[in-house]
Amino acid sequence: LETTVPIAKALQTTWHVHSQIYEVKGCYSGYVAASMKAEPGLGRTAIQQLHPLCTIDALIHDQGWNHGREIETDQLADERADVVLQWMSDEIEKFKGSGLPPTLLMVSHADFIVKLLEAIDRHRPDEKEPPFYDSPYNTSITTIEFRGRRPWLIEFDAIGHLPRNFRSV
């Protein structure tokens, strides 16, 4: 959420908080697997108070966006990436015939971006051996283009917008 605010201000636009776009494992405390504990995360009212220019997915309630969930497994994260990829395709389809360029900007965490790219590869049966995606740099840009409903990776982990002295960190 905090990363999205300056982007939305620069673009002079509102933004949407999607219930399925979050880091792999969900909201949790602890870093060692044995001590990790699922946490509820911010709820609808708290998000709205902090970010009044956003719209919030109906699935996010006041008890927290991660309320009632356990630590997410890799398999569940893969399934969620498939759902988000389908949502992205559906959103792009809405632009057809509108005269507007079909553009969707999504801000997410590195591990989920990797899961999303792996989902693209799962939906490309012509790919014999999918590439390995290392964890992208913070604030890097990955570009996906939809040709029809088929997603294509155009650019991964681009950091050209960062000043040179930040690129090697």
N, C-alpha and C. Protein backbone atom coordinates (compact mmCIF):
# COMPACT_ATOMS: atom_id res chain seq x y z
N LEU A 1 0.83 -1.20 0.00
CA LEU A 1 0.00 0.00 0.00
C LEU A 1 0.87 1.26 0.00
N GLU A 2 1.91 1.25 0.81
CA GLU A 2 2.76 2.43 0.91
C GLU A 2 3.51 2.70 -0.40
N THR A 3 3.84 1.67 -1.14
CA THR A 3 4.51 1.86 -2.43
C THR A 3 3.56 2.43 -3.46
N THR A 4 2.30 2.08 -3.38
CA THR A 4 1.32 2.50 -4.37
C THR A 4 0.99 3.99 -4.27
N VAL A 5 1.00 4.55 -3.07
CA VAL A 5 0.58 5.94 -2.87
C VAL A 5 1.36 6.93 -3.76
N PRO A 6 2.70 6.93 -3.74
CA PRO A 6 3.39 7.92 -4.59
C PRO A 6 3.17 7.68 -6.08
N ILE A 7 2.97 6.44 -6.48
CA ILE A 7 2.69 6.15 -7.88
C ILE A 7 1.33 6.72 -8.26
N ALA A 8 0.33 6.48 -7.43
CA ALA A 8 -1.02 7.00 -7.71
C ALA A 8 -1.03 8.52 -7.73
N LYS A 9 -0.26 9.13 -6.83
CA LYS A 9 -0.19 10.61 -6.82
C LYS A 9 0.47 11.12 -8.10
N ALA A 10 1.57 10.49 -8.51
CA ALA A 10 2.26 10.92 -9.72
C ALA A 10 1.38 10.76 -10.96
N LEU A 11 0.57 9.71 -10.99
CA LEU A 11 -0.32 9.47 -12.12
C LEU A 11 -1.66 10.18 -11.97
N GLN A 12 -1.87 10.80 -10.83
CA GLN A 12 -3.12 11.50 -10.51
C GLN A 12 -4.33 10.60 -10.74
N THR A 13 -4.28 9.46 -10.07
CA THR A 13 -5.36 8.48 -10.23
C THR A 13 -5.72 7.85 -8.90
N THR A 14 -6.88 7.25 -8.86
CA THR A 14 -7.26 6.44 -7.72
C THR A 14 -6.70 5.03 -7.95
N TRP A 15 -6.82 4.18 -6.95
CA TRP A 15 -6.31 2.82 -7.10
C TRP A 15 -7.18 1.85 -6.33
N HIS A 16 -7.03 0.59 -6.66
CA HIS A 16 -7.87 -0.46 -6.08
C HIS A 16 -7.01 -1.43 -5.27
N VAL A 17 -7.47 -1.78 -4.09
CA VAL A 17 -6.80 -2.76 -3.26
C VAL A 17 -7.48 -4.11 -3.53
N HIS A 18 -6.76 -5.01 -4.17
CA HIS A 18 -7.29 -6.32 -4.56
C HIS A 18 -6.99 -7.33 -3.45
N SER A 19 -7.96 -8.11 -3.08
CA SER A 19 -7.80 -9.04 -1.95
C SER A 19 -6.82 -10.17 -2.21
N GLN A 20 -6.47 -10.43 -3.47
CA GLN A 20 -5.59 -11.55 -3.80
C GLN A 20 -4.17 -11.14 -4.16
N ILE A 21 -3.88 -9.85 -4.12
CA ILE A 21 -2.53 -9.39 -4.47
C ILE A 21 -1.81 -9.02 -3.17
N TYR A 22 -1.03 -9.98 -2.71
CA TYR A 22 -0.25 -9.80 -1.48
C TYR A 22 0.94 -10.75 -1.55
N GLU A 23 1.89 -10.57 -0.65
CA GLU A 23 3.10 -11.38 -0.66
C GLU A 23 2.80 -12.84 -0.35
N VAL A 24 3.63 -13.71 -0.88
CA VAL A 24 3.52 -15.14 -0.63
C VAL A 24 3.58 -15.38 0.89
N LYS A 25 2.78 -16.25 1.37
CA LYS A 25 2.59 -16.64 2.77
C LYS A 25 1.52 -15.79 3.45
N GLY A 26 1.18 -14.64 2.91
CA GLY A 26 0.18 -13.79 3.54
C GLY A 26 0.81 -12.85 4.55
N CYS A 27 0.01 -12.40 5.47
CA CYS A 27 0.48 -11.52 6.54
C CYS A 27 0.85 -12.40 7.72
N TYR A 28 2.09 -12.25 8.20
CA TYR A 28 2.52 -13.11 9.29
C TYR A 28 3.59 -12.42 10.11
N SER A 29 3.81 -12.95 11.29
CA SER A 29 4.91 -12.50 12.14
C SER A 29 5.86 -13.66 12.30
N GLY A 30 7.14 -13.36 12.57
CA GLY A 30 8.16 -14.39 12.72
C GLY A 30 8.84 -14.69 11.40
N TYR A 31 10.10 -15.08 11.47
CA TYR A 31 10.84 -15.35 10.24
C TYR A 31 11.30 -16.80 10.13
N VAL A 32 11.37 -17.49 11.23
CA VAL A 32 11.73 -18.90 11.22
C VAL A 32 10.43 -19.68 11.07
N ALA A 33 10.41 -20.64 10.15
CA ALA A 33 9.16 -21.36 9.85
C ALA A 33 8.42 -21.84 11.09
N ALA A 34 9.13 -22.38 12.05
CA ALA A 34 8.49 -22.92 13.26
C ALA A 34 7.81 -21.85 14.10
N SER A 35 8.25 -20.60 13.98
CA SER A 35 7.67 -19.54 14.81
C SER A 35 6.75 -18.60 14.03
N MET A 36 6.53 -18.87 12.74
CA MET A 36 5.65 -18.00 11.95
C MET A 36 4.21 -18.13 12.43
N LYS A 37 3.54 -16.99 12.48
CA LYS A 37 2.15 -16.96 12.92
C LYS A 37 1.36 -16.05 11.98
N ALA A 38 0.26 -16.55 11.45
CA ALA A 38 -0.59 -15.74 10.58
C ALA A 38 -1.14 -14.56 11.37
N GLU A 39 -1.16 -13.40 10.73
CA GLU A 39 -1.70 -12.18 11.34
C GLU A 39 -2.84 -11.66 10.46
N PRO A 40 -3.78 -10.90 11.03
CA PRO A 40 -4.94 -10.48 10.24
C PRO A 40 -4.66 -9.40 9.20
N GLY A 41 -3.66 -8.57 9.39
CA GLY A 41 -3.42 -7.46 8.46
C GLY A 41 -4.43 -6.34 8.68
N LEU A 42 -4.26 -5.28 7.92
CA LEU A 42 -5.18 -4.14 8.03
C LEU A 42 -6.57 -4.51 7.54
N GLY A 43 -7.57 -3.94 8.17
CA GLY A 43 -8.94 -4.13 7.74
C GLY A 43 -9.41 -3.00 6.83
N ARG A 44 -10.60 -3.16 6.30
CA ARG A 44 -11.18 -2.21 5.35
C ARG A 44 -11.17 -0.77 5.89
N THR A 45 -11.68 -0.56 7.10
CA THR A 45 -11.77 0.79 7.66
C THR A 45 -10.39 1.40 7.84
N ALA A 46 -9.44 0.61 8.36
CA ALA A 46 -8.08 1.11 8.56
C ALA A 46 -7.43 1.49 7.22
N ILE A 47 -7.62 0.66 6.20
CA ILE A 47 -7.06 0.97 4.88
C ILE A 47 -7.69 2.25 4.35
N GLN A 48 -9.01 2.35 4.45
CA GLN A 48 -9.72 3.54 3.94
C GLN A 48 -9.28 4.80 4.66
N GLN A 49 -9.04 4.73 5.97
CA GLN A 49 -8.59 5.90 6.71
C GLN A 49 -7.18 6.32 6.29
N LEU A 50 -6.31 5.35 6.06
CA LEU A 50 -4.94 5.66 5.64
C LEU A 50 -4.86 6.11 4.19
N HIS A 51 -5.74 5.56 3.36
CA HIS A 51 -5.66 5.80 1.91
C HIS A 51 -7.06 6.09 1.36
N PRO A 52 -7.58 7.30 1.58
CA PRO A 52 -8.96 7.61 1.20
C PRO A 52 -9.21 7.61 -0.31
N LEU A 53 -8.16 7.67 -1.13
CA LEU A 53 -8.38 7.70 -2.58
C LEU A 53 -8.45 6.31 -3.22
N CYS A 54 -8.36 5.26 -2.41
CA CYS A 54 -8.41 3.92 -3.00
C CYS A 54 -9.81 3.32 -2.87
N THR A 55 -10.09 2.37 -3.75
CA THR A 55 -11.26 1.52 -3.59
C THR A 55 -10.75 0.20 -3.02
N ILE A 56 -11.61 -0.52 -2.33
CA ILE A 56 -11.18 -1.72 -1.64
C ILE A 56 -12.06 -2.89 -2.04
N ASP A 57 -11.42 -3.99 -2.39
CA ASP A 57 -12.10 -5.22 -2.75
C ASP A 57 -13.12 -5.58 -1.68
N ALA A 58 -14.30 -6.01 -2.10
CA ALA A 58 -15.38 -6.37 -1.17
C ALA A 58 -14.99 -7.53 -0.25
N LEU A 59 -14.01 -8.33 -0.64
CA LEU A 59 -13.59 -9.46 0.19
C LEU A 59 -12.71 -9.05 1.37
N ILE A 60 -12.32 -7.78 1.41
CA ILE A 60 -11.53 -7.29 2.53
C ILE A 60 -12.48 -6.68 3.55
N HIS A 61 -12.49 -7.24 4.75
CA HIS A 61 -13.42 -6.78 5.78
C HIS A 61 -12.66 -6.14 6.93
N ASP A 62 -13.38 -5.66 7.92
CA ASP A 62 -12.76 -4.91 9.02
C ASP A 62 -11.87 -5.75 9.93
N GLN A 63 -12.03 -7.06 9.94
CA GLN A 63 -11.20 -7.90 10.80
C GLN A 63 -9.79 -8.05 10.24
N GLY A 64 -9.56 -7.63 9.01
CA GLY A 64 -8.24 -7.71 8.39
C GLY A 64 -8.28 -8.48 7.08
N TRP A 65 -7.48 -8.08 6.14
CA TRP A 65 -7.50 -8.72 4.81
C TRP A 65 -7.02 -10.17 4.87
N ASN A 66 -6.25 -10.54 5.89
CA ASN A 66 -5.73 -11.90 6.02
C ASN A 66 -6.41 -12.66 7.17
N HIS A 67 -7.48 -12.09 7.71
CA HIS A 67 -8.18 -12.67 8.86
C HIS A 67 -8.67 -14.09 8.55
N GLY A 68 -8.39 -15.02 9.46
CA GLY A 68 -8.87 -16.38 9.33
C GLY A 68 -8.03 -17.28 8.44
N ARG A 69 -6.97 -16.76 7.87
CA ARG A 69 -6.11 -17.56 7.01
C ARG A 69 -4.91 -18.09 7.79
N GLU A 70 -4.39 -19.20 7.33
CA GLU A 70 -3.16 -19.76 7.86
C GLU A 70 -2.00 -19.26 6.99
N ILE A 71 -0.77 -19.60 7.35
CA ILE A 71 0.38 -19.27 6.52
C ILE A 71 0.18 -19.95 5.17
N GLU A 72 0.28 -19.21 4.11
CA GLU A 72 0.03 -19.73 2.76
C GLU A 72 1.15 -20.68 2.32
N THR A 73 0.77 -21.81 1.76
CA THR A 73 1.74 -22.76 1.21
C THR A 73 2.11 -22.34 -0.21
N ASP A 74 3.20 -22.91 -0.74
CA ASP A 74 3.58 -22.62 -2.13
C ASP A 74 2.48 -23.03 -3.10
N GLN A 75 1.84 -24.16 -2.86
CA GLN A 75 0.77 -24.61 -3.75
C GLN A 75 -0.38 -23.61 -3.77
N LEU A 76 -0.78 -23.12 -2.59
CA LEU A 76 -1.86 -22.13 -2.53
C LEU A 76 -1.44 -20.82 -3.20
N ALA A 77 -0.18 -20.44 -3.06
CA ALA A 77 0.32 -19.22 -3.73
C ALA A 77 0.28 -19.40 -5.24
N ASP A 78 0.62 -20.60 -5.73
CA ASP A 78 0.53 -20.89 -7.17
C ASP A 78 -0.91 -20.76 -7.65
N GLU A 79 -1.84 -21.31 -6.90
CA GLU A 79 -3.25 -21.23 -7.26
C GLU A 79 -3.74 -19.78 -7.25
N ARG A 80 -3.29 -19.02 -6.28
CA ARG A 80 -3.68 -17.60 -6.20
C ARG A 80 -3.11 -16.82 -7.38
N ALA A 81 -1.89 -17.15 -7.78
CA ALA A 81 -1.28 -16.49 -8.94
C ALA A 81 -2.10 -16.77 -10.20
N ASP A 82 -2.61 -18.00 -10.35
CA ASP A 82 -3.49 -18.31 -11.48
C ASP A 82 -4.74 -17.44 -11.46
N VAL A 83 -5.32 -17.25 -10.28
CA VAL A 83 -6.52 -16.42 -10.13
C VAL A 83 -6.22 -14.97 -10.51
N VAL A 84 -5.10 -14.44 -10.04
CA VAL A 84 -4.74 -13.06 -10.33
C VAL A 84 -4.43 -12.89 -11.82
N LEU A 85 -3.76 -13.87 -12.42
CA LEU A 85 -3.48 -13.81 -13.85
C LEU A 85 -4.79 -13.76 -14.66
N GLN A 86 -5.76 -14.55 -14.27
CA GLN A 86 -7.07 -14.53 -14.94
C GLN A 86 -7.75 -13.17 -14.73
N TRP A 87 -7.67 -12.63 -13.52
CA TRP A 87 -8.24 -11.30 -13.24
C TRP A 87 -7.59 -10.24 -14.12
N MET A 88 -6.26 -10.31 -14.25
CA MET A 88 -5.55 -9.34 -15.09
C MET A 88 -6.06 -9.42 -16.53
N SER A 89 -6.19 -10.62 -17.05
CA SER A 89 -6.69 -10.81 -18.40
C SER A 89 -8.10 -10.24 -18.55
N ASP A 90 -8.95 -10.51 -17.57
CA ASP A 90 -10.32 -9.98 -17.60
C ASP A 90 -10.33 -8.46 -17.58
N GLU A 91 -9.47 -7.86 -16.76
CA GLU A 91 -9.40 -6.39 -16.68
C GLU A 91 -8.94 -5.79 -18.01
N ILE A 92 -7.94 -6.40 -18.63
CA ILE A 92 -7.46 -5.91 -19.92
C ILE A 92 -8.56 -6.02 -20.98
N GLU A 93 -9.32 -7.10 -20.94
CA GLU A 93 -10.42 -7.30 -21.90
C GLU A 93 -11.46 -6.18 -21.80
N LYS A 94 -11.65 -5.63 -20.61
CA LYS A 94 -12.63 -4.56 -20.41
C LYS A 94 -12.29 -3.32 -21.23
N PHE A 95 -11.02 -3.16 -21.60
CA PHE A 95 -10.60 -1.98 -22.36
C PHE A 95 -10.98 -2.08 -23.84
N LYS A 96 -11.23 -3.28 -24.34
CA LYS A 96 -11.53 -3.46 -25.76
C LYS A 96 -12.72 -2.60 -26.15
N GLY A 97 -12.55 -1.85 -27.21
CA GLY A 97 -13.62 -1.01 -27.72
C GLY A 97 -13.81 0.29 -26.95
N SER A 98 -13.00 0.54 -25.93
CA SER A 98 -13.18 1.76 -25.14
C SER A 98 -12.42 2.94 -25.73
N GLY A 99 -11.46 2.66 -26.62
CA GLY A 99 -10.63 3.72 -27.15
C GLY A 99 -9.45 4.06 -26.25
N LEU A 100 -9.41 3.46 -25.06
CA LEU A 100 -8.32 3.69 -24.12
C LEU A 100 -7.26 2.61 -24.28
N PRO A 101 -5.99 2.95 -24.02
CA PRO A 101 -4.97 1.91 -24.10
C PRO A 101 -5.18 0.89 -22.97
N PRO A 102 -5.11 -0.39 -23.29
CA PRO A 102 -5.34 -1.41 -22.25
C PRO A 102 -4.13 -1.54 -21.33
N THR A 103 -4.15 -0.76 -20.26
CA THR A 103 -3.02 -0.74 -19.34
C THR A 103 -3.49 -1.01 -17.92
N LEU A 104 -2.78 -1.90 -17.26
CA LEU A 104 -3.06 -2.24 -15.87
C LEU A 104 -1.74 -2.17 -15.13
N LEU A 105 -1.68 -1.36 -14.09
CA LEU A 105 -0.47 -1.25 -13.28
C LEU A 105 -0.75 -1.98 -11.97
N MET A 106 0.09 -2.95 -11.66
CA MET A 106 -0.08 -3.71 -10.43
C MET A 106 1.17 -3.55 -9.58
N VAL A 107 0.99 -3.24 -8.33
CA VAL A 107 2.10 -3.13 -7.39
C VAL A 107 2.01 -4.34 -6.47
N SER A 108 3.10 -5.10 -6.41
CA SER A 108 3.10 -6.29 -5.58
C SER A 108 4.50 -6.58 -5.08
N HIS A 109 4.60 -7.60 -4.26
CA HIS A 109 5.88 -8.03 -3.69
C HIS A 109 6.61 -8.97 -4.63
N ALA A 110 7.93 -9.05 -4.46
CA ALA A 110 8.79 -9.81 -5.35
C ALA A 110 8.41 -11.28 -5.46
N ASP A 111 8.20 -11.95 -4.35
CA ASP A 111 7.90 -13.39 -4.42
C ASP A 111 6.59 -13.65 -5.15
N PHE A 112 5.61 -12.76 -4.99
CA PHE A 112 4.36 -12.98 -5.71
C PHE A 112 4.53 -12.67 -7.19
N ILE A 113 5.34 -11.70 -7.54
CA ILE A 113 5.62 -11.43 -8.95
C ILE A 113 6.22 -12.69 -9.59
N VAL A 114 7.15 -13.33 -8.90
CA VAL A 114 7.74 -14.57 -9.41
C VAL A 114 6.65 -15.63 -9.58
N LYS A 115 5.76 -15.78 -8.62
CA LYS A 115 4.66 -16.74 -8.74
C LYS A 115 3.78 -16.42 -9.95
N LEU A 116 3.55 -15.15 -10.20
CA LEU A 116 2.74 -14.73 -11.34
C LEU A 116 3.44 -15.10 -12.66
N LEU A 117 4.74 -14.89 -12.73
CA LEU A 117 5.48 -15.26 -13.93
C LEU A 117 5.51 -16.78 -14.13
N GLU A 118 5.60 -17.51 -13.05
CA GLU A 118 5.53 -18.97 -13.14
C GLU A 118 4.15 -19.42 -13.63
N ALA A 119 3.11 -18.69 -13.22
CA ALA A 119 1.75 -18.99 -13.71
C ALA A 119 1.66 -18.77 -15.21
N ILE A 120 2.28 -17.71 -15.69
CA ILE A 120 2.31 -17.47 -17.14
C ILE A 120 2.94 -18.66 -17.84
N ASP A 121 4.04 -19.13 -17.32
CA ASP A 121 4.73 -20.28 -17.93
C ASP A 121 3.87 -21.54 -17.88
N ARG A 122 3.11 -21.73 -16.82
CA ARG A 122 2.23 -22.91 -16.73
C ARG A 122 1.15 -22.88 -17.81
N HIS A 123 0.79 -21.68 -18.25
CA HIS A 123 -0.27 -21.53 -19.24
C HIS A 123 0.28 -21.45 -20.67
N ARG A 124 1.55 -21.76 -20.82
CA ARG A 124 2.18 -21.76 -22.15
C ARG A 124 2.71 -23.17 -22.43
N PRO A 125 1.85 -24.03 -22.98
CA PRO A 125 2.25 -25.42 -23.20
C PRO A 125 3.38 -25.58 -24.22
N ASP A 126 3.65 -24.57 -25.02
CA ASP A 126 4.71 -24.66 -26.03
C ASP A 126 6.10 -24.48 -25.41
N GLU A 127 6.14 -24.01 -24.18
CA GLU A 127 7.41 -23.79 -23.50
C GLU A 127 7.90 -25.12 -22.93
N LYS A 128 9.02 -25.60 -23.44
CA LYS A 128 9.52 -26.91 -22.99
C LYS A 128 10.12 -26.85 -21.59
N GLU A 129 10.97 -25.90 -21.34
CA GLU A 129 11.56 -25.75 -20.01
C GLU A 129 11.43 -24.29 -19.60
N PRO A 130 10.55 -24.01 -18.64
CA PRO A 130 10.34 -22.61 -18.26
C PRO A 130 11.60 -22.01 -17.64
N PRO A 131 11.77 -20.71 -17.83
CA PRO A 131 12.94 -20.04 -17.24
C PRO A 131 12.83 -19.98 -15.72
N PHE A 132 13.96 -19.75 -15.10
CA PHE A 132 14.01 -19.56 -13.66
C PHE A 132 13.99 -18.07 -13.38
N TYR A 133 13.11 -17.63 -12.52
CA TYR A 133 13.02 -16.22 -12.16
C TYR A 133 13.61 -16.03 -10.77
N ASP A 134 14.69 -15.29 -10.71
CA ASP A 134 15.28 -14.97 -9.42
C ASP A 134 14.44 -13.86 -8.80
N SER A 135 14.62 -13.62 -7.52
CA SER A 135 13.87 -12.58 -6.85
C SER A 135 14.22 -11.22 -7.45
N PRO A 136 13.23 -10.48 -7.92
CA PRO A 136 13.51 -9.18 -8.53
C PRO A 136 13.95 -8.13 -7.51
N TYR A 137 14.63 -7.11 -8.04
CA TYR A 137 15.03 -5.97 -7.21
C TYR A 137 13.79 -5.26 -6.67
N ASN A 138 13.93 -4.65 -5.50
CA ASN A 138 12.86 -3.78 -5.00
C ASN A 138 12.68 -2.63 -5.99
N THR A 139 11.47 -2.28 -6.25
CA THR A 139 11.03 -1.22 -7.16
C THR A 139 11.32 -1.51 -8.63
N SER A 140 11.72 -2.73 -8.96
CA SER A 140 11.92 -3.05 -10.37
C SER A 140 10.58 -3.13 -11.08
N ILE A 141 10.63 -3.09 -12.40
CA ILE A 141 9.42 -3.11 -13.22
C ILE A 141 9.44 -4.36 -14.09
N THR A 142 8.34 -5.08 -14.05
CA THR A 142 8.15 -6.24 -14.92
C THR A 142 6.97 -5.93 -15.81
N THR A 143 7.12 -6.14 -17.11
CA THR A 143 6.07 -5.82 -18.07
C THR A 143 5.52 -7.10 -18.68
N ILE A 144 4.21 -7.23 -18.60
CA ILE A 144 3.50 -8.36 -19.19
C ILE A 144 2.53 -7.79 -20.22
N GLU A 145 2.50 -8.38 -21.38
CA GLU A 145 1.58 -7.95 -22.43
C GLU A 145 0.60 -9.09 -22.70
N PHE A 146 -0.67 -8.75 -22.87
CA PHE A 146 -1.67 -9.75 -23.22
C PHE A 146 -1.94 -9.64 -24.71
N ARG A 147 -1.72 -10.74 -25.41
CA ARG A 147 -2.05 -10.84 -26.83
C ARG A 147 -3.28 -11.72 -26.90
N GLY A 148 -4.42 -11.06 -27.09
CA GLY A 148 -5.67 -11.76 -26.87
C GLY A 148 -5.75 -11.97 -25.37
N ARG A 149 -5.95 -13.19 -24.96
CA ARG A 149 -5.97 -13.49 -23.52
C ARG A 149 -4.69 -14.19 -23.09
N ARG A 150 -3.73 -14.28 -24.00
CA ARG A 150 -2.49 -14.98 -23.68
C ARG A 150 -1.43 -14.00 -23.17
N PRO A 151 -0.92 -14.22 -21.95
CA PRO A 151 0.09 -13.31 -21.40
C PRO A 151 1.49 -13.63 -21.92
N TRP A 152 2.26 -12.58 -22.15
CA TRP A 152 3.65 -12.71 -22.59
C TRP A 152 4.52 -11.84 -21.71
N LEU A 153 5.62 -12.39 -21.25
CA LEU A 153 6.58 -11.61 -20.48
C LEU A 153 7.39 -10.77 -21.46
N ILE A 154 7.35 -9.46 -21.30
CA ILE A 154 8.07 -8.53 -22.17
C ILE A 154 9.38 -8.11 -21.52
N GLU A 155 9.31 -7.79 -20.24
CA GLU A 155 10.50 -7.33 -19.53
C GLU A 155 10.41 -7.78 -18.07
N PHE A 156 11.54 -8.24 -17.54
CA PHE A 156 11.58 -8.70 -16.15
C PHE A 156 12.66 -7.94 -15.39
N ASP A 157 12.28 -7.43 -14.23
CA ASP A 157 13.25 -6.86 -13.29
C ASP A 157 13.98 -5.63 -13.82
N ALA A 158 13.30 -4.80 -14.59
CA ALA A 158 13.93 -3.59 -15.14
C ALA A 158 14.16 -2.57 -14.02
N ILE A 159 15.36 -1.99 -14.00
CA ILE A 159 15.70 -1.00 -12.97
C ILE A 159 16.26 0.28 -13.58
N GLY A 160 16.05 0.49 -14.86
CA GLY A 160 16.57 1.68 -15.53
C GLY A 160 16.03 2.99 -14.97
N HIS A 161 14.92 2.95 -14.27
CA HIS A 161 14.36 4.17 -13.68
C HIS A 161 15.05 4.57 -12.39
N LEU A 162 15.90 3.70 -11.86
CA LEU A 162 16.62 3.99 -10.61
C LEU A 162 17.94 4.72 -10.91
N PRO A 163 18.34 5.63 -10.05
CA PRO A 163 19.65 6.27 -10.22
C PRO A 163 20.75 5.20 -10.16
N ARG A 164 21.82 5.40 -10.88
CA ARG A 164 22.90 4.41 -10.97
C ARG A 164 23.42 3.96 -9.61
N ASN A 165 23.54 4.88 -8.65
CA ASN A 165 24.11 4.50 -7.34
C ASN A 165 23.19 3.59 -6.54
N PHE A 166 21.93 3.41 -6.96
CA PHE A 166 21.03 2.49 -6.27
C PHE A 166 20.98 1.13 -6.93
N ARG A 167 21.46 1.00 -8.13
CA ARG A 167 21.30 -0.22 -8.91
C ARG A 167 22.07 -1.40 -8.40
N SER A 168 23.16 -1.19 -7.71
CA SER A 168 23.97 -2.32 -7.28
C SER A 168 23.68 -2.76 -5.86
N VAL A 169 22.73 -2.11 -5.21
CA VAL A 169 22.41 -2.43 -3.82
C VAL A 169 21.66 -3.74 -3.73
